[in-house]
Amino acid sequence: MITVAASEYRSQLRNREAAAARLAELLTEATAPPPPPRRPTRPSRAARQRRMDDKQRRSQVKRLRRPADE
């Protein structure tokens, strides 16, 4: 048994309609076919290179923030 409650409106009729709409949405979502499985992909060479460049840039910024005595 499924119970759907709605109390967002002051009118009992509108609350019943809202509950019916919510139940219909719940049933549609439950009976929908599952999404296709995700195909694993690998990052491209350019994406890996951009990541490395960004990491080096961040490292350089942090290195420049350090005190000069170290």
N, C-alpha and C. Protein backbone atom coordinates (compact mmCIF):
# COMPACT_ATOMS: atom_id res chain seq x y z
N MET A 1 0.84 -1.17 0.00
CA MET A 1 0.00 0.00 0.00
C MET A 1 0.89 1.24 0.00
N ILE A 2 0.53 2.19 -0.81
CA ILE A 2 1.29 3.44 -0.92
C ILE A 2 0.43 4.58 -0.41
N THR A 3 0.99 5.40 0.46
CA THR A 3 0.29 6.57 0.97
C THR A 3 1.03 7.81 0.53
N VAL A 4 0.32 8.71 -0.13
CA VAL A 4 0.90 9.98 -0.55
C VAL A 4 0.11 11.09 0.12
N ALA A 5 0.78 11.89 0.91
CA ALA A 5 0.11 12.99 1.62
C ALA A 5 0.54 14.31 1.00
N ALA A 6 -0.38 15.26 0.97
CA ALA A 6 -0.08 16.59 0.47
C ALA A 6 -0.80 17.60 1.34
N SER A 7 -0.06 18.60 1.78
CA SER A 7 -0.68 19.65 2.61
C SER A 7 -0.12 21.02 2.26
N GLU A 8 0.24 21.21 1.00
CA GLU A 8 0.79 22.50 0.63
C GLU A 8 -0.27 23.56 0.31
N TYR A 9 -1.50 23.12 0.11
CA TYR A 9 -2.59 24.07 -0.17
C TYR A 9 -3.57 24.10 0.99
N ARG A 10 -4.35 25.15 1.05
CA ARG A 10 -5.37 25.25 2.10
C ARG A 10 -6.62 24.46 1.73
N SER A 11 -6.83 24.25 0.44
CA SER A 11 -8.02 23.56 -0.03
C SER A 11 -7.78 22.05 -0.06
N GLN A 12 -8.75 21.30 0.44
CA GLN A 12 -8.64 19.84 0.45
C GLN A 12 -8.62 19.30 -0.98
N LEU A 13 -9.41 19.90 -1.86
CA LEU A 13 -9.47 19.45 -3.25
C LEU A 13 -8.12 19.64 -3.94
N ARG A 14 -7.52 20.79 -3.75
CA ARG A 14 -6.20 21.04 -4.38
C ARG A 14 -5.14 20.12 -3.80
N ASN A 15 -5.23 19.82 -2.50
CA ASN A 15 -4.28 18.89 -1.90
C ASN A 15 -4.45 17.49 -2.47
N ARG A 16 -5.70 17.07 -2.70
CA ARG A 16 -5.94 15.76 -3.31
C ARG A 16 -5.38 15.72 -4.71
N GLU A 17 -5.59 16.79 -5.47
CA GLU A 17 -5.05 16.84 -6.84
C GLU A 17 -3.52 16.81 -6.81
N ALA A 18 -2.92 17.52 -5.87
CA ALA A 18 -1.46 17.53 -5.77
C ALA A 18 -0.95 16.14 -5.40
N ALA A 19 -1.64 15.47 -4.48
CA ALA A 19 -1.23 14.12 -4.08
C ALA A 19 -1.37 13.15 -5.26
N ALA A 20 -2.44 13.28 -6.03
CA ALA A 20 -2.64 12.41 -7.19
C ALA A 20 -1.55 12.65 -8.23
N ALA A 21 -1.20 13.92 -8.43
CA ALA A 21 -0.13 14.24 -9.39
C ALA A 21 1.20 13.68 -8.91
N ARG A 22 1.46 13.79 -7.62
CA ARG A 22 2.71 13.26 -7.06
C ARG A 22 2.76 11.74 -7.19
N LEU A 23 1.61 11.08 -6.96
CA LEU A 23 1.55 9.63 -7.09
C LEU A 23 1.78 9.22 -8.55
N ALA A 24 1.18 9.94 -9.47
CA ALA A 24 1.36 9.63 -10.89
C ALA A 24 2.82 9.79 -11.28
N GLU A 25 3.46 10.85 -10.79
CA GLU A 25 4.88 11.07 -11.09
C GLU A 25 5.74 9.97 -10.49
N LEU A 26 5.40 9.55 -9.28
CA LEU A 26 6.14 8.48 -8.61
C LEU A 26 6.03 7.17 -9.39
N LEU A 27 4.81 6.86 -9.85
CA LEU A 27 4.62 5.62 -10.62
C LEU A 27 5.32 5.68 -11.96
N THR A 28 5.28 6.83 -12.63
CA THR A 28 5.96 6.96 -13.92
C THR A 28 7.47 6.77 -13.75
N GLU A 29 8.00 7.35 -12.69
CA GLU A 29 9.44 7.22 -12.43
C GLU A 29 9.80 5.78 -12.09
N ALA A 30 8.93 5.10 -11.35
CA ALA A 30 9.21 3.72 -10.93
C ALA A 30 9.14 2.74 -12.09
N THR A 31 8.26 3.01 -13.05
CA THR A 31 8.10 2.07 -14.17
C THR A 31 8.97 2.43 -15.37
N ALA A 32 9.73 3.51 -15.29
CA ALA A 32 10.59 3.91 -16.41
C ALA A 32 11.74 2.90 -16.54
N PRO A 33 12.20 2.65 -17.76
CA PRO A 33 13.32 1.73 -17.93
C PRO A 33 14.60 2.33 -17.34
N PRO A 34 15.49 1.50 -16.86
CA PRO A 34 16.71 2.03 -16.26
C PRO A 34 17.57 2.73 -17.32
N PRO A 35 18.36 3.70 -16.93
CA PRO A 35 19.20 4.39 -17.90
C PRO A 35 20.29 3.44 -18.42
N PRO A 36 20.78 3.67 -19.62
CA PRO A 36 21.82 2.79 -20.14
C PRO A 36 23.09 2.90 -19.30
N PRO A 37 23.84 1.83 -19.18
CA PRO A 37 25.05 1.88 -18.35
C PRO A 37 26.08 2.83 -18.96
N ARG A 38 26.83 3.46 -18.10
CA ARG A 38 27.84 4.42 -18.55
C ARG A 38 29.02 3.68 -19.14
N ARG A 39 29.46 4.13 -20.29
CA ARG A 39 30.63 3.53 -20.91
C ARG A 39 31.86 4.25 -20.39
N PRO A 40 32.78 3.53 -19.78
CA PRO A 40 33.96 4.19 -19.25
C PRO A 40 34.83 4.74 -20.38
N THR A 41 35.31 5.95 -20.20
CA THR A 41 36.17 6.56 -21.20
C THR A 41 37.44 7.02 -20.53
N ARG A 42 38.48 7.24 -21.32
CA ARG A 42 39.74 7.70 -20.78
C ARG A 42 39.95 9.15 -21.22
N PRO A 43 40.62 9.95 -20.39
CA PRO A 43 40.89 11.33 -20.79
C PRO A 43 41.83 11.34 -22.01
N SER A 44 41.63 12.31 -22.88
CA SER A 44 42.48 12.40 -24.05
C SER A 44 43.88 12.88 -23.65
N ARG A 45 44.82 12.75 -24.56
CA ARG A 45 46.19 13.18 -24.28
C ARG A 45 46.23 14.68 -24.01
N ALA A 46 45.46 15.46 -24.78
CA ALA A 46 45.44 16.91 -24.59
C ALA A 46 44.86 17.28 -23.23
N ALA A 47 43.83 16.54 -22.80
CA ALA A 47 43.24 16.82 -21.49
C ALA A 47 44.23 16.50 -20.39
N ARG A 48 44.96 15.41 -20.52
CA ARG A 48 45.99 15.08 -19.51
C ARG A 48 47.07 16.14 -19.48
N GLN A 49 47.45 16.63 -20.66
CA GLN A 49 48.49 17.66 -20.73
C GLN A 49 48.01 18.96 -20.08
N ARG A 50 46.74 19.34 -20.34
CA ARG A 50 46.18 20.55 -19.71
C ARG A 50 46.18 20.41 -18.20
N ARG A 51 45.83 19.22 -17.71
CA ARG A 51 45.81 18.98 -16.27
C ARG A 51 47.20 19.13 -15.69
N MET A 52 48.18 18.56 -16.36
CA MET A 52 49.56 18.67 -15.87
C MET A 52 50.02 20.13 -15.88
N ASP A 53 49.67 20.86 -16.94
CA ASP A 53 50.06 22.28 -17.02
C ASP A 53 49.43 23.07 -15.88
N ASP A 54 48.16 22.81 -15.60
CA ASP A 54 47.48 23.51 -14.50
C ASP A 54 48.12 23.17 -13.16
N LYS A 55 48.47 21.90 -12.98
CA LYS A 55 49.11 21.49 -11.73
C LYS A 55 50.46 22.20 -11.57
N GLN A 56 51.21 22.28 -12.65
CA GLN A 56 52.51 22.96 -12.57
C GLN A 56 52.33 24.44 -12.27
N ARG A 57 51.31 25.05 -12.88
CA ARG A 57 51.05 26.46 -12.64
C ARG A 57 50.68 26.70 -11.18
N ARG A 58 49.81 25.85 -10.63
CA ARG A 58 49.44 25.98 -9.22
C ARG A 58 50.64 25.77 -8.31
N SER A 59 51.46 24.80 -8.66
CA SER A 59 52.66 24.53 -7.87
C SER A 59 53.59 25.74 -7.89
N GLN A 60 53.73 26.35 -9.06
CA GLN A 60 54.60 27.54 -9.19
C GLN A 60 54.05 28.68 -8.32
N VAL A 61 52.73 28.88 -8.33
CA VAL A 61 52.12 29.95 -7.53
C VAL A 61 52.41 29.70 -6.06
N LYS A 62 52.22 28.45 -5.62
CA LYS A 62 52.45 28.14 -4.22
C LYS A 62 53.93 28.27 -3.87
N ARG A 63 54.78 27.90 -4.78
CA ARG A 63 56.22 28.04 -4.53
C ARG A 63 56.60 29.50 -4.38
N LEU A 64 55.97 30.37 -5.17
CA LEU A 64 56.28 31.80 -5.09
C LEU A 64 55.73 32.43 -3.82
N ARG A 65 54.72 31.83 -3.22
CA ARG A 65 54.15 32.37 -1.98
C ARG A 65 55.04 32.08 -0.77
N ARG A 66 55.89 31.08 -0.89
CA ARG A 66 56.74 30.71 0.25
C ARG A 66 57.72 31.82 0.59
N PRO A 67 58.14 31.86 1.84
CA PRO A 67 59.17 32.84 2.20
C PRO A 67 60.49 32.51 1.50
N ALA A 68 61.29 33.50 1.24
CA ALA A 68 62.52 33.31 0.48
C ALA A 68 63.60 32.60 1.28
N ASP A 69 63.52 32.53 2.61
CA ASP A 69 64.59 31.94 3.42
C ASP A 69 64.62 30.43 3.37
N GLU A 70 63.61 29.77 2.82
CA GLU A 70 63.62 28.29 2.79
C GLU A 70 64.35 27.77 1.60
